[in-house]
C-alpha atoms as a PDB file:
ATOM      1  CA  UNK A   1     -19.064   8.752  22.149  1.00  0.00           C
ATOM      2  CA  UNK A   2     -16.944   6.280  20.171  1.00  0.00           C
ATOM      3  CA  UNK A   3     -13.200   6.820  20.304  1.00  0.00           C
ATOM      4  CA  UNK A   4     -11.000   7.265  17.227  1.00  0.00           C
ATOM      5  CA  UNK A   5      -7.220   7.037  17.368  1.00  0.00           C
ATOM      6  CA  UNK A   6      -4.606   7.853  14.773  1.00  0.00           C
ATOM      7  CA  UNK A   7      -1.028   9.017  14.725  1.00  0.00           C
ATOM      8  CA  UNK A   8       1.652  10.301  12.428  1.00  0.00           C
ATOM      9  CA  UNK A   9       5.306   9.305  12.503  1.00  0.00           C
ATOM     10  CA  UNK A  10       7.872  11.968  13.302  1.00  0.00           C
ATOM     11  CA  UNK A  11      10.171  11.322  10.368  1.00  0.00           C
ATOM     12  CA  UNK A  12      10.341  14.537   8.403  1.00  0.00           C
ATOM     13  CA  UNK A  13       8.235  17.333   6.983  1.00  0.00           C
ATOM     14  CA  UNK A  14       4.609  16.775   5.983  1.00  0.00           C
ATOM     15  CA  UNK A  15       3.575  16.997   2.342  1.00  0.00           C
ATOM     16  CA  UNK A  16       0.354  17.397   0.372  1.00  0.00           C
ATOM     17  CA  UNK A  17      -0.302  13.654   0.515  1.00  0.00           C
ATOM     18  CA  UNK A  18      -0.359  13.789   4.323  1.00  0.00           C
ATOM     19  CA  UNK A  19      -2.773  16.715   4.215  1.00  0.00           C
ATOM     20  CA  UNK A  20      -5.220  15.080   1.802  1.00  0.00           C
ATOM     21  CA  UNK A  21      -4.806  11.509   3.030  1.00  0.00           C
ATOM     22  CA  UNK A  22      -4.980  12.147   6.774  1.00  0.00           C
ATOM     23  CA  UNK A  23      -5.125  15.626   8.264  1.00  0.00           C
ATOM     24  CA  UNK A  24      -8.199  16.915   6.437  1.00  0.00           C
ATOM     25  CA  UNK A  25     -10.071  13.775   7.469  1.00  0.00           C
ATOM     26  CA  UNK A  26      -8.910  14.103  11.078  1.00  0.00           C
ATOM     27  CA  UNK A  27     -10.343  17.617  11.189  1.00  0.00           C
ATOM     28  CA  UNK A  28     -13.754  16.276  10.115  1.00  0.00           C
ATOM     29  CA  UNK A  29     -13.658  13.363  12.561  1.00  0.00           C
ATOM     30  CA  UNK A  30     -13.007  15.594  15.574  1.00  0.00           C
ATOM     31  CA  UNK A  31     -16.535  16.948  15.131  1.00  0.00           C
ATOM     32  CA  UNK A  32     -18.165  13.507  15.507  1.00  0.00           C
ATOM     33  CA  UNK A  33     -15.915  11.324  17.672  1.00  0.00           C
ATOM     34  CA  UNK A  34     -13.744  11.333  20.776  1.00  0.00           C
ATOM     35  CA  UNK A  35     -10.509  11.690  18.804  1.00  0.00           C
ATOM     36  CA  UNK A  36      -7.000  10.969  20.039  1.00  0.00           C
ATOM     37  CA  UNK A  37      -4.238  12.093  17.658  1.00  0.00           C
ATOM     38  CA  UNK A  38      -0.598  11.578  18.507  1.00  0.00           C
ATOM     39  CA  UNK A  39       2.876  12.319  17.230  1.00  0.00           C
ATOM     40  CA  UNK A  40       4.668   8.970  16.941  1.00  0.00           C
ATOM     41  CA  UNK A  41       8.217   9.967  17.826  1.00  0.00           C
ATOM     42  CA  UNK A  42       9.174   6.460  18.986  1.00  0.00           C
ATOM     43  CA  UNK A  43       8.053   5.114  15.617  1.00  0.00           C
ATOM     44  CA  UNK A  44      10.454   7.582  14.032  1.00  0.00           C
ATOM     45  CA  UNK A  45      13.292   5.667  15.680  1.00  0.00           C
ATOM     46  CA  UNK A  46      12.414   2.477  13.772  1.00  0.00           C
ATOM     47  CA  UNK A  47      14.022   3.895  10.623  1.00  0.00           C
ATOM     48  CA  UNK A  48      15.834   6.976  11.941  1.00  0.00           C
ATOM     49  CA  UNK A  49      17.505   5.678  15.086  1.00  0.00           C
ATOM     50  CA  UNK A  50      20.912   7.034  14.059  1.00  0.00           C
ATOM     51  CA  UNK A  51      19.734  10.655  14.163  1.00  0.00           C
ATOM     52  CA  UNK A  52      17.294  11.243  17.049  1.00  0.00           C
ATOM     53  CA  UNK A  53      17.818  15.016  16.926  1.00  0.00           C
ATOM     54  CA  UNK A  54      16.034  15.065  13.552  1.00  0.00           C
ATOM     55  CA  UNK A  55      13.053  13.335  15.168  1.00  0.00           C
ATOM     56  CA  UNK A  56      12.829  16.089  17.772  1.00  0.00           C
ATOM     57  CA  UNK A  57      12.784  18.720  15.026  1.00  0.00           C
ATOM     58  CA  UNK A  58      10.139  16.762  13.103  1.00  0.00           C
ATOM     59  CA  UNK A  59       8.028  16.555  16.259  1.00  0.00           C
ATOM     60  CA  UNK A  60       7.837  20.336  16.492  1.00  0.00           C
ATOM     61  CA  UNK A  61       7.009  20.639  12.788  1.00  0.00           C
ATOM     62  CA  UNK A  62       4.263  18.030  13.077  1.00  0.00           C
ATOM     63  CA  UNK A  63       2.548  19.827  15.924  1.00  0.00           C
ATOM     64  CA  UNK A  64       2.602  23.100  13.993  1.00  0.00           C
ATOM     65  CA  UNK A  65       1.098  21.359  10.958  1.00  0.00           C
ATOM     66  CA  UNK A  66      -1.567  19.638  13.071  1.00  0.00           C
ATOM     67  CA  UNK A  67      -2.771  22.981  14.379  1.00  0.00           C
ATOM     68  CA  UNK A  68      -2.420  24.763  11.036  1.00  0.00           C
ATOM     69  CA  UNK A  69      -4.543  22.077   9.343  1.00  0.00           C
ATOM     70  CA  UNK A  70      -7.392  22.740  11.773  1.00  0.00           C
ATOM     71  CA  UNK A  71      -7.039  20.272  14.648  1.00  0.00           C
ATOM     72  CA  UNK A  72      -8.562  21.942  17.692  1.00  0.00           C
ATOM     73  CA  UNK A  73      -7.243  20.958  21.164  1.00  0.00           C
ATOM     74  CA  UNK A  74     -10.690  21.819  22.539  1.00  0.00           C
ATOM     75  CA  UNK A  75     -12.254  19.180  20.265  1.00  0.00           C
ATOM     76  CA  UNK A  76      -9.608  16.440  20.240  1.00  0.00           C
ATOM     77  CA  UNK A  77      -6.698  15.150  22.313  1.00  0.00           C
ATOM     78  CA  UNK A  78      -3.244  15.740  20.826  1.00  0.00           C
ATOM     79  CA  UNK A  79      -0.246  14.158  22.519  1.00  0.00           C
ATOM     80  CA  UNK A  80       3.348  13.000  22.121  1.00  0.00           C
ATOM     81  CA  UNK A  81       3.775   9.224  22.152  1.00  0.00           C
ATOM     82  CA  UNK A  82       6.984   9.158  24.219  1.00  0.00           C
ATOM     83  CA  UNK A  83       5.382  11.159  27.030  1.00  0.00           C
ATOM     84  CA  UNK A  84       3.030   8.251  27.772  1.00  0.00           C
ATOM     85  CA  UNK A  85       5.435   5.588  29.039  1.00  0.00           C
ATOM     86  CA  UNK A  86       2.682   2.972  29.221  1.00  0.00           C
ATOM     87  CA  UNK A  87       2.936   2.668  25.421  1.00  0.00           C
ATOM     88  CA  UNK A  88       6.392   1.119  25.860  1.00  0.00           C
ATOM     89  CA  UNK A  89       5.239  -1.050  28.768  1.00  0.00           C
ATOM     90  CA  UNK A  90       2.330  -2.520  26.812  1.00  0.00           C
ATOM     91  CA  UNK A  91       4.558  -2.946  23.753  1.00  0.00           C
ATOM     92  CA  UNK A  92       6.924  -5.067  25.863  1.00  0.00           C
ATOM     93  CA  UNK A  93       4.083  -7.237  27.166  1.00  0.00           C
ATOM     94  CA  UNK A  94       2.656  -7.751  23.676  1.00  0.00           C
ATOM     95  CA  UNK A  95       6.101  -8.783  22.401  1.00  0.00           C
ATOM     96  CA  UNK A  96       6.014 -11.711  24.838  1.00  0.00           C
ATOM     97  CA  UNK A  97       2.934 -13.277  23.235  1.00  0.00           C
ATOM     98  CA  UNK A  98       3.224 -12.427  19.532  1.00  0.00           C
ATOM     99  CA  UNK A  99       4.611 -15.122  17.181  1.00  0.00           C
ATOM    100  CA  UNK A 100       7.582 -13.956  15.138  1.00  0.00           C
ATOM    101  CA  UNK A 101       5.933 -15.135  11.922  1.00  0.00           C
ATOM    102  CA  UNK A 102       3.094 -12.647  12.386  1.00  0.00           C
ATOM    103  CA  UNK A 103       5.565  -9.773  12.244  1.00  0.00           C
ATOM    104  CA  UNK A 104       7.500 -11.146   9.276  1.00  0.00           C
ATOM    105  CA  UNK A 105       4.372 -11.393   7.131  1.00  0.00           C
ATOM    106  CA  UNK A 106       3.297  -7.760   7.580  1.00  0.00           C
ATOM    107  CA  UNK A 107       2.914  -6.402   4.006  1.00  0.00           C
ATOM    108  CA  UNK A 108       5.103  -3.344   4.473  1.00  0.00           C
ATOM    109  CA  UNK A 109       8.009  -5.127   6.198  1.00  0.00           C
ATOM    110  CA  UNK A 110       9.861  -6.201   3.048  1.00  0.00           C
ATOM    111  CA  UNK A 111       8.503  -3.305   0.988  1.00  0.00           C
ATOM    112  CA  UNK A 112      10.040  -0.768   3.364  1.00  0.00           C
ATOM    113  CA  UNK A 113      13.320  -2.660   3.431  1.00  0.00           C
ATOM    114  CA  UNK A 114      13.509  -2.330  -0.354  1.00  0.00           C
ATOM    115  CA  UNK A 115      12.374   1.284  -0.303  1.00  0.00           C
ATOM    116  CA  UNK A 116      14.962   2.232   2.338  1.00  0.00           C
ATOM    117  CA  UNK A 117      17.719  -0.191   1.358  1.00  0.00           C
ATOM    118  CA  UNK A 118      20.369   2.442   2.046  1.00  0.00           C
ATOM    119  CA  UNK A 119      19.618   2.049   5.776  1.00  0.00           C
ATOM    120  CA  UNK A 120      20.283  -0.859   8.120  1.00  0.00           C
ATOM    121  CA  UNK A 121      16.791  -2.023   9.056  1.00  0.00           C
ATOM    122  CA  UNK A 122      17.789  -5.444  10.392  1.00  0.00           C
ATOM    123  CA  UNK A 123      16.640  -4.423  13.873  1.00  0.00           C
ATOM    124  CA  UNK A 124      13.908  -5.625  16.196  1.00  0.00           C
ATOM    125  CA  UNK A 125      12.576  -2.073  16.367  1.00  0.00           C
ATOM    126  CA  UNK A 126      11.788  -2.139  12.654  1.00  0.00           C
ATOM    127  CA  UNK A 127      10.442  -5.696  12.659  1.00  0.00           C
ATOM    128  CA  UNK A 128       8.417  -5.101  15.815  1.00  0.00           C
ATOM    129  CA  UNK A 129       6.859  -1.760  14.917  1.00  0.00           C
ATOM    130  CA  UNK A 130       3.389  -3.397  14.484  1.00  0.00           C
ATOM    131  CA  UNK A 131       3.525  -4.305  18.179  1.00  0.00           C
ATOM    132  CA  UNK A 132       4.184  -0.712  19.181  1.00  0.00           C
ATOM    133  CA  UNK A 133       1.463   0.368  16.760  1.00  0.00           C
ATOM    134  CA  UNK A 134      -0.932  -2.095  18.385  1.00  0.00           C
ATOM    135  CA  UNK A 135      -0.047  -0.821  21.849  1.00  0.00           C
ATOM    136  CA  UNK A 136      -0.712   2.741  20.651  1.00  0.00           C
ATOM    137  CA  UNK A 137      -4.225   1.759  19.591  1.00  0.00           C
ATOM    138  CA  UNK A 138      -5.483  -0.680  22.186  1.00  0.00           C
ATOM    139  CA  UNK A 139      -4.116   1.107  25.247  1.00  0.00           C
ATOM    140  CA  UNK A 140      -6.860   3.711  24.703  1.00  0.00           C
ATOM    141  CA  UNK A 141      -9.447   1.062  23.781  1.00  0.00           C
ATOM    142  CA  UNK A 142     -10.132   2.925  20.558  1.00  0.00           C
ATOM    143  CA  UNK A 143     -13.046   1.586  18.545  1.00  0.00           C
ATOM    144  CA  UNK A 144     -11.968   3.028  15.204  1.00  0.00           C
ATOM    145  CA  UNK A 145      -8.747   3.706  13.337  1.00  0.00           C
ATOM    146  CA  UNK A 146      -9.160   5.814  10.164  1.00  0.00           C
ATOM    147  CA  UNK A 147      -7.458   4.047   7.249  1.00  0.00           C
ATOM    148  CA  UNK A 148      -7.694   3.719   3.494  1.00  0.00           C
ATOM    149  CA  UNK A 149      -8.762   0.421   1.937  1.00  0.00           C
ATOM    150  CA  UNK A 150      -5.139  -0.491   1.165  1.00  0.00           C
ATOM    151  CA  UNK A 151      -4.206  -0.099   4.847  1.00  0.00           C
ATOM    152  CA  UNK A 152      -6.796  -2.503   6.266  1.00  0.00           C
ATOM    153  CA  UNK A 153      -4.313  -5.454   6.257  1.00  0.00           C
ATOM    154  CA  UNK A 154      -1.983  -3.387   8.452  1.00  0.00           C
ATOM    155  CA  UNK A 155      -4.736  -2.981  11.034  1.00  0.00           C
ATOM    156  CA  UNK A 156      -5.602  -6.672  10.955  1.00  0.00           C
ATOM    157  CA  UNK A 157      -2.436  -7.654  12.825  1.00  0.00           C
ATOM    158  CA  UNK A 158      -3.444  -5.302  15.656  1.00  0.00           C
ATOM    159  CA  UNK A 159      -6.805  -7.042  15.802  1.00  0.00           C
ATOM    160  CA  UNK A 160      -5.083 -10.451  15.899  1.00  0.00           C
ATOM    161  CA  UNK A 161      -2.733  -9.400  18.697  1.00  0.00           C
ATOM    162  CA  UNK A 162      -5.591  -7.976  20.786  1.00  0.00           C
ATOM    163  CA  UNK A 163      -7.570 -11.174  20.170  1.00  0.00           C
ATOM    164  CA  UNK A 164      -4.634 -13.331  21.280  1.00  0.00           C
ATOM    165  CA  UNK A 165      -4.123 -11.292  24.459  1.00  0.00           C
ATOM    166  CA  UNK A 166      -7.813 -11.591  25.327  1.00  0.00           C
ATOM    167  CA  UNK A 167      -7.730 -15.350  24.658  1.00  0.00           C
ATOM    168  CA  UNK A 168      -4.641 -15.979  26.803  1.00  0.00           C
ATOM    169  CA  UNK A 169      -5.734 -13.847  29.738  1.00  0.00           C
ATOM    170  CA  UNK A 170      -9.147 -12.202  29.773  1.00  0.00           C
ATOM    171  CA  UNK A 171     -11.223  -9.783  27.725  1.00  0.00           C
ATOM    172  CA  UNK A 172      -9.360  -6.518  28.202  1.00  0.00           C
ATOM    173  CA  UNK A 173      -8.917  -4.892  24.819  1.00  0.00           C
ATOM    174  CA  UNK A 174     -11.588  -4.395  22.146  1.00  0.00           C
ATOM    175  CA  UNK A 175     -10.469  -5.272  18.630  1.00  0.00           C
ATOM    176  CA  UNK A 176     -10.051  -1.974  16.740  1.00  0.00           C
ATOM    177  CA  UNK A 177     -12.153  -1.519  13.624  1.00  0.00           C
ATOM    178  CA  UNK A 178     -11.201   0.216  10.396  1.00  0.00           C
ATOM    179  CA  UNK A 179     -12.948   3.511   9.770  1.00  0.00           C
ATOM    180  CA  UNK A 180     -12.640   3.446   6.003  1.00  0.00           C
ATOM    181  CA  UNK A 181     -11.683   6.724   4.444  1.00  0.00           C
ATOM    182  CA  UNK A 182     -11.819   7.519   0.743  1.00  0.00           C
ATOM    183  CA  UNK A 183      -9.248   9.962  -0.506  1.00  0.00           C
ATOM    184  CA  UNK A 184      -7.582  10.527  -3.863  1.00  0.00           C
ATOM    185  CA  UNK A 185      -4.080   9.325  -4.583  1.00  0.00           C
ATOM    186  CA  UNK A 186      -1.825  12.372  -4.529  1.00  0.00           C
ATOM    187  CA  UNK A 187       0.883  12.119  -7.203  1.00  0.00           C
ATOM    188  CA  UNK A 188       4.395  13.335  -6.584  1.00  0.00           C
ATOM    189  CA  UNK A 189       6.299  15.501  -9.023  1.00  0.00           C
ATOM    190  CA  UNK A 190       7.602  12.364 -10.784  1.00  0.00           C
ATOM    191  CA  UNK A 191       4.121  10.842 -11.189  1.00  0.00           C
ATOM    192  CA  UNK A 192       4.563   8.191  -8.495  1.00  0.00           C
ATOM    193  CA  UNK A 193       2.729   8.319  -5.173  1.00  0.00           C
ATOM    194  CA  UNK A 194       3.917  11.358  -3.238  1.00  0.00           C
ATOM    195  CA  UNK A 195       6.434  10.234  -0.623  1.00  0.00           C
ATOM    196  CA  UNK A 196       9.399  11.635   1.276  1.00  0.00           C
ATOM    197  CA  UNK A 197      11.243   8.412   0.455  1.00  0.00           C
ATOM    198  CA  UNK A 198      10.889   9.056  -3.290  1.00  0.00           C
ATOM    199  CA  UNK A 199      12.064  12.662  -2.937  1.00  0.00           C
ATOM    200  CA  UNK A 200       9.069  13.761  -5.021  1.00  0.00           C
ATOM    201  CA  UNK A 201       7.012  15.667  -2.470  1.00  0.00           C
ATOM    202  CA  UNK A 202       5.595  19.166  -2.267  1.00  0.00           C
ATOM    203  CA  UNK A 203       5.833  20.028   1.415  1.00  0.00           C
ATOM    204  CA  UNK A 204       3.343  22.026   3.431  1.00  0.00           C
ATOM    205  CA  UNK A 205       6.239  24.231   4.519  1.00  0.00           C
ATOM    206  CA  UNK A 206       7.373  24.961   0.935  1.00  0.00           C
ATOM    207  CA  UNK A 207       7.089  28.587  -0.096  1.00  0.00           C
ATOM    208  CA  UNK A 208       4.736  29.383  -3.004  1.00  0.00           C
ATOM    209  CA  UNK A 209       7.801  29.946  -5.172  1.00  0.00           C
ATOM    210  CA  UNK A 210       9.338  26.584  -4.239  1.00  0.00           C
ATOM    211  CA  UNK A 211       6.045  24.766  -4.851  1.00  0.00           C
ATOM    212  CA  UNK A 212       5.651  26.439  -8.247  1.00  0.00           C
ATOM    213  CA  UNK A 213       9.191  25.480  -9.236  1.00  0.00           C
ATOM    214  CA  UNK A 214       8.500  21.834  -8.379  1.00  0.00           C
ATOM    215  CA  UNK A 215       5.228  21.861 -10.320  1.00  0.00           C
ATOM    216  CA  UNK A 216       7.001  23.205 -13.407  1.00  0.00           C
ATOM    217  CA  UNK A 217       9.162  20.067 -13.525  1.00  0.00           C
ATOM    218  CA  UNK A 218       6.152  17.718 -13.732  1.00  0.00           C
ATOM    219  CA  UNK A 219       5.240  15.910 -16.935  1.00  0.00           C
ATOM    220  CA  UNK A 220       1.898  17.243 -18.138  1.00  0.00           C
ATOM    221  CA  UNK A 221       0.824  14.427 -20.482  1.00  0.00           C
ATOM    222  CA  UNK A 222       3.052  11.357 -20.985  1.00  0.00           C
ATOM    223  CA  UNK A 223       0.861  10.119 -23.876  1.00  0.00           C
ATOM    224  CA  UNK A 224       1.110  13.341 -25.890  1.00  0.00           C
ATOM    225  CA  UNK A 225       4.176  13.032 -28.119  1.00  0.00           C
ATOM    226  CA  UNK A 226       3.518  15.980 -30.446  1.00  0.00           C
ATOM    227  CA  UNK A 227       1.967  19.386 -29.863  1.00  0.00           C
ATOM    228  CA  UNK A 228      -0.929  18.629 -32.237  1.00  0.00           C
ATOM    229  CA  UNK A 229      -1.803  15.308 -30.532  1.00  0.00           C
ATOM    230  CA  UNK A 230      -5.051  15.184 -28.615  1.00  0.00           C
ATOM    231  CA  UNK A 231      -4.472  15.567 -24.891  1.00  0.00           C
ATOM    232  CA  UNK A 232      -5.302  12.905 -22.292  1.00  0.00           C
ATOM    233  CA  UNK A 233      -5.602  14.846 -19.024  1.00  0.00           C
ATOM    234  CA  UNK A 234      -6.623  11.745 -17.049  1.00  0.00           C
ATOM    235  CA  UNK A 235      -3.027  10.501 -17.500  1.00  0.00           C
ATOM    236  CA  UNK A 236      -1.483  13.756 -16.355  1.00  0.00           C
ATOM    237  CA  UNK A 237      -0.218  13.912 -12.751  1.00  0.00           C
ATOM    238  CA  UNK A 238      -0.575  17.701 -12.918  1.00  0.00           C
ATOM    239  CA  UNK A 239      -4.253  17.318 -13.795  1.00  0.00           C
ATOM    240  CA  UNK A 240      -4.715  14.938 -10.848  1.00  0.00           C
ATOM    241  CA  UNK A 241      -3.485  17.689  -8.533  1.00  0.00           C
ATOM    242  CA  UNK A 242      -5.757  20.132 -10.354  1.00  0.00           C
ATOM    243  CA  UNK A 243      -8.796  17.919  -9.640  1.00  0.00           C
ATOM    244  CA  UNK A 244      -7.892  17.686  -5.960  1.00  0.00           C
ATOM    245  CA  UNK A 245      -7.219  21.339  -5.239  1.00  0.00           C
ATOM    246  CA  UNK A 246      -9.280  23.330  -7.755  1.00  0.00           C
ATOM    247  CA  UNK A 247     -12.954  24.187  -7.393  1.00  0.00           C
ATOM    248  CA  UNK A 248     -15.518  22.641  -9.739  1.00  0.00           C
ATOM    249  CA  UNK A 249     -15.850  25.966 -11.540  1.00  0.00           C
ATOM    250  CA  UNK A 250     -12.091  26.112 -12.134  1.00  0.00           C
ATOM    251  CA  UNK A 251     -12.051  22.513 -13.361  1.00  0.00           C
ATOM    252  CA  UNK A 252     -14.918  23.193 -15.778  1.00  0.00           C
ATOM    253  CA  UNK A 253     -13.133  26.263 -17.100  1.00  0.00           C
ATOM    254  CA  UNK A 254      -9.946  24.313 -17.785  1.00  0.00           C
END
């Protein structure tokens, strides 16, 4: 059976975007593949190194959410990254052979620096996170990594690093392949992509009352200036959530 590997960074509470974009797909994949899912607590240190206690709390929350979403330990392997010390060992070895320029050209490197400009991210840990990510994947010789189309470039550096290792030494690690996953973009309460960094998320741990209060603040139709104007639901972030979470019958009724 082909092996699938994916992980989630321990950096805060999970939100609806994590559920739709990852967890629901993981639950389906565990029925067809040999799935390894891990909590990436070391990755949490790349941006949250000043507060490791928060990472420990996030780790517990992540595990609860994994199980609540439907991941079954009898059907998949769930583990904590830092408990497998060989991840760090392989990361060190990969850092010896990877050109610095490869890391600097990773698409999210400068994007994340801008997004989190209130934090000091001028560290090797942040620059070198693709190496740790690569170690996470290839140490288990996973064939597939579930990603969206926009994440394929992030996986390509892992393929390049595995290829370079095999070229310098011998064929040890298979190059991981993207298992393309289609999922809708989940808008946050401000209309942008839902993200903890944007402070626009509806969290899985929110009470029904808290979730409702957040939804009430969302703009329903930015193109509708007057009450008598014709509505354009396709522009409404609320309607996008409606299409994701409501049944076809409910959508037709609305």
